[in-house]
Amino acid sequence: MRRSLGAFEDNFETYLEECVCFSVRYLDRHNGGFHHTYLAKGATSEVFTYILENIAPMWRDLLAEPYQRYAECHGPSVASLDSVIALISRIGLAYCLVPTDERAIREQLAILRPNHRR
């Protein structure tokens, strides 16, 4: 994942979008990936909480450096890394539960970036 995202490390918002798209593509290729086993047991709040807690360290490792550069450029008004991880984890989980194509994901994520032009 990190290799495919390297080109986006200096644009944190695009980096996040690419992370979501990559994770959804990865899950598709691996029959639901890591989450599939847990989701097959039942879609309960306990399962969702476990998945989100389990995936957070991976997101932290992946996002920490690009986030730090982003925060340095944009100052104290940016959301905390913990908030970013919570949001991207939930967005990724939502796309696992209700899949769609990558084009639709990108269009939907663009709503969160109103000043970004495609």
C-alpha atoms as a PDB file:
ATOM      1  CA  MET A   1       0.000   0.000   0.000  1.00  0.00           C
ATOM      2  CA  ARG A   2       2.734   2.439   0.978  1.00  0.00           C
ATOM      3  CA  ARG A   3       4.506   2.012  -2.375  1.00  0.00           C
ATOM      4  CA  SER A   4       1.381   2.794  -4.361  1.00  0.00           C
ATOM      5  CA  LEU A   5       0.693   5.887  -2.230  1.00  0.00           C
ATOM      6  CA  GLY A   6       4.181   7.397  -2.362  1.00  0.00           C
ATOM      7  CA  ALA A   7       3.303   9.853  -5.120  1.00  0.00           C
ATOM      8  CA  PHE A   8       0.605  11.429  -2.936  1.00  0.00           C
ATOM      9  CA  GLU A   9       2.509  11.903   0.341  1.00  0.00           C
ATOM     10  CA  ASP A  10       2.817  15.671  -0.151  1.00  0.00           C
ATOM     11  CA  ASN A  11      -0.937  16.138  -0.703  1.00  0.00           C
ATOM     12  CA  PHE A  12      -2.564  14.760   2.420  1.00  0.00           C
ATOM     13  CA  GLU A  13      -6.173  15.109   1.280  1.00  0.00           C
ATOM     14  CA  THR A  14      -5.468  13.208  -1.939  1.00  0.00           C
ATOM     15  CA  TYR A  15      -3.399  10.721   0.065  1.00  0.00           C
ATOM     16  CA  LEU A  16      -6.450   9.965   2.230  1.00  0.00           C
ATOM     17  CA  GLU A  17      -8.628   9.459  -0.845  1.00  0.00           C
ATOM     18  CA  GLU A  18      -6.059   7.107  -2.344  1.00  0.00           C
ATOM     19  CA  CYS A  19      -5.880   5.201   0.969  1.00  0.00           C
ATOM     20  CA  VAL A  20      -9.624   4.578   0.930  1.00  0.00           C
ATOM     21  CA  CYS A  21      -9.624   3.520  -2.733  1.00  0.00           C
ATOM     22  CA  PHE A  22      -6.621   1.247  -2.225  1.00  0.00           C
ATOM     23  CA  SER A  23      -8.135  -0.406   0.848  1.00  0.00           C
ATOM     24  CA  VAL A  24     -11.405  -1.080  -0.989  1.00  0.00           C
ATOM     25  CA  ARG A  25      -9.537  -2.516  -4.007  1.00  0.00           C
ATOM     26  CA  TYR A  26      -7.461  -4.654  -1.647  1.00  0.00           C
ATOM     27  CA  LEU A  27     -10.547  -5.995   0.096  1.00  0.00           C
ATOM     28  CA  ASP A  28     -12.164  -6.830  -3.246  1.00  0.00           C
ATOM     29  CA  ARG A  29      -9.132  -8.843  -4.315  1.00  0.00           C
ATOM     30  CA  HIS A  30      -8.960 -10.708  -1.024  1.00  0.00           C
ATOM     31  CA  ASN A  31     -12.613 -11.728  -0.654  1.00  0.00           C
ATOM     32  CA  GLY A  32     -13.369  -9.138   1.971  1.00  0.00           C
ATOM     33  CA  GLY A  33      -9.858  -9.154   3.359  1.00  0.00           C
ATOM     34  CA  PHE A  34      -9.193  -8.933   7.056  1.00  0.00           C
ATOM     35  CA  HIS A  35     -12.697  -7.763   7.962  1.00  0.00           C
ATOM     36  CA  HIS A  36     -14.583 -10.506   6.124  1.00  0.00           C
ATOM     37  CA  THR A  37     -14.158 -13.123   8.855  1.00  0.00           C
ATOM     38  CA  TYR A  38     -15.415 -10.779  11.553  1.00  0.00           C
ATOM     39  CA  LEU A  39     -18.306  -9.444   9.507  1.00  0.00           C
ATOM     40  CA  ALA A  40     -19.396 -12.991   8.646  1.00  0.00           C
ATOM     41  CA  LYS A  41     -19.902 -13.607  12.375  1.00  0.00           C
ATOM     42  CA  GLY A  42     -22.423 -10.795  12.565  1.00  0.00           C
ATOM     43  CA  ALA A  43     -22.626  -7.083  12.030  1.00  0.00           C
ATOM     44  CA  THR A  44     -22.801  -5.992  15.649  1.00  0.00           C
ATOM     45  CA  SER A  45     -21.453  -2.865  17.265  1.00  0.00           C
ATOM     46  CA  GLU A  46     -18.895  -5.039  19.080  1.00  0.00           C
ATOM     47  CA  VAL A  47     -17.595  -6.400  15.775  1.00  0.00           C
ATOM     48  CA  PHE A  48     -17.429  -2.911  14.271  1.00  0.00           C
ATOM     49  CA  THR A  49     -15.613  -1.578  17.340  1.00  0.00           C
ATOM     50  CA  TYR A  50     -13.128  -4.445  17.203  1.00  0.00           C
ATOM     51  CA  ILE A  51     -12.421  -3.841  13.513  1.00  0.00           C
ATOM     52  CA  LEU A  52     -11.943  -0.098  14.017  1.00  0.00           C
ATOM     53  CA  GLU A  53      -9.631  -0.616  16.993  1.00  0.00           C
ATOM     54  CA  ASN A  54      -7.670  -3.310  15.197  1.00  0.00           C
ATOM     55  CA  ILE A  55      -7.126  -1.286  12.021  1.00  0.00           C
ATOM     56  CA  ALA A  56      -6.189   1.993  13.776  1.00  0.00           C
ATOM     57  CA  PRO A  57      -2.479   1.125  14.292  1.00  0.00           C
ATOM     58  CA  MET A  58      -2.103   0.361  10.572  1.00  0.00           C
ATOM     59  CA  TRP A  59      -3.669   3.713   9.659  1.00  0.00           C
ATOM     60  CA  ARG A  60      -1.478   5.499  12.235  1.00  0.00           C
ATOM     61  CA  ASP A  61       1.665   3.969  10.747  1.00  0.00           C
ATOM     62  CA  LEU A  62       0.593   4.864   7.228  1.00  0.00           C
ATOM     63  CA  LEU A  63      -0.694   8.386   7.926  1.00  0.00           C
ATOM     64  CA  ALA A  64       1.624   9.761  10.633  1.00  0.00           C
ATOM     65  CA  GLU A  65       4.346  11.289   8.433  1.00  0.00           C
ATOM     66  CA  PRO A  66       2.095  12.745   5.705  1.00  0.00           C
ATOM     67  CA  TYR A  67      -0.238  14.072   8.413  1.00  0.00           C
ATOM     68  CA  GLN A  68       2.652  15.738  10.253  1.00  0.00           C
ATOM     69  CA  ARG A  69       3.698  17.596   7.084  1.00  0.00           C
ATOM     70  CA  TYR A  70       0.081  18.580   6.433  1.00  0.00           C
ATOM     71  CA  ALA A  71      -0.376  19.852   9.998  1.00  0.00           C
ATOM     72  CA  GLU A  72       2.850  21.860   9.810  1.00  0.00           C
ATOM     73  CA  CYS A  73       1.613  23.595   6.640  1.00  0.00           C
ATOM     74  CA  HIS A  74      -1.953  24.243   7.811  1.00  0.00           C
ATOM     75  CA  GLY A  75      -1.467  25.035  11.477  1.00  0.00           C
ATOM     76  CA  PRO A  76      -3.437  24.157  14.581  1.00  0.00           C
ATOM     77  CA  SER A  77      -6.849  24.258  12.897  1.00  0.00           C
ATOM     78  CA  VAL A  78      -6.448  20.807  11.316  1.00  0.00           C
ATOM     79  CA  ALA A  79      -8.232  17.834  12.848  1.00  0.00           C
ATOM     80  CA  SER A  80      -6.155  15.601  15.089  1.00  0.00           C
ATOM     81  CA  LEU A  81      -4.584  12.488  13.629  1.00  0.00           C
ATOM     82  CA  ASP A  82      -6.838  10.418  15.900  1.00  0.00           C
ATOM     83  CA  SER A  83      -9.909  12.093  14.377  1.00  0.00           C
ATOM     84  CA  VAL A  84      -8.590  11.521  10.857  1.00  0.00           C
ATOM     85  CA  ILE A  85      -7.979   7.848  11.648  1.00  0.00           C
ATOM     86  CA  ALA A  86     -11.445   7.464  13.167  1.00  0.00           C
ATOM     87  CA  LEU A  87     -13.067   8.983  10.077  1.00  0.00           C
ATOM     88  CA  ILE A  88     -11.052   7.118   7.447  1.00  0.00           C
ATOM     89  CA  SER A  89     -11.560   3.824   9.318  1.00  0.00           C
ATOM     90  CA  ARG A  90     -15.314   4.306   9.377  1.00  0.00           C
ATOM     91  CA  ILE A  91     -15.427   5.386   5.737  1.00  0.00           C
ATOM     92  CA  GLY A  92     -13.401   2.336   4.723  1.00  0.00           C
ATOM     93  CA  LEU A  93     -15.622   0.041   6.771  1.00  0.00           C
ATOM     94  CA  ALA A  94     -18.736   1.566   5.210  1.00  0.00           C
ATOM     95  CA  TYR A  95     -17.425   0.847   1.718  1.00  0.00           C
ATOM     96  CA  CYS A  96     -16.674  -2.737   2.796  1.00  0.00           C
ATOM     97  CA  LEU A  97     -20.250  -3.163   3.970  1.00  0.00           C
ATOM     98  CA  VAL A  98     -21.845  -1.382   1.010  1.00  0.00           C
ATOM     99  CA  PRO A  99     -19.399  -1.688  -1.897  1.00  0.00           C
ATOM    100  CA  THR A 100     -19.398   0.582  -4.917  1.00  0.00           C
ATOM    101  CA  ASP A 101     -17.014   1.243  -7.776  1.00  0.00           C
ATOM    102  CA  GLU A 102     -13.929   3.412  -7.394  1.00  0.00           C
ATOM    103  CA  ARG A 103     -15.338   6.246  -9.502  1.00  0.00           C
ATOM    104  CA  ALA A 104     -18.308   6.535  -7.164  1.00  0.00           C
ATOM    105  CA  ILE A 105     -16.037   6.440  -4.113  1.00  0.00           C
ATOM    106  CA  ARG A 106     -13.972   9.306  -5.508  1.00  0.00           C
ATOM    107  CA  GLU A 107     -17.073  11.354  -6.337  1.00  0.00           C
ATOM    108  CA  GLN A 108     -18.480  10.781  -2.864  1.00  0.00           C
ATOM    109  CA  LEU A 109     -15.219  11.627  -1.116  1.00  0.00           C
ATOM    110  CA  ALA A 110     -15.001  14.832  -3.170  1.00  0.00           C
ATOM    111  CA  ILE A 111     -18.023  16.084  -1.227  1.00  0.00           C
ATOM    112  CA  LEU A 112     -15.724  16.316   1.794  1.00  0.00           C
ATOM    113  CA  ARG A 113     -13.356  18.571  -0.180  1.00  0.00           C
ATOM    114  CA  PRO A 114     -15.593  21.366  -1.525  1.00  0.00           C
ATOM    115  CA  ASN A 115     -12.685  23.571  -2.647  1.00  0.00           C
ATOM    116  CA  HIS A 116     -10.912  20.770  -4.491  1.00  0.00           C
ATOM    117  CA  ARG A 117     -11.319  20.754  -8.251  1.00  0.00           C
ATOM    118  CA  ARG A 118     -11.060  17.610 -10.290  1.00  0.00           C
END
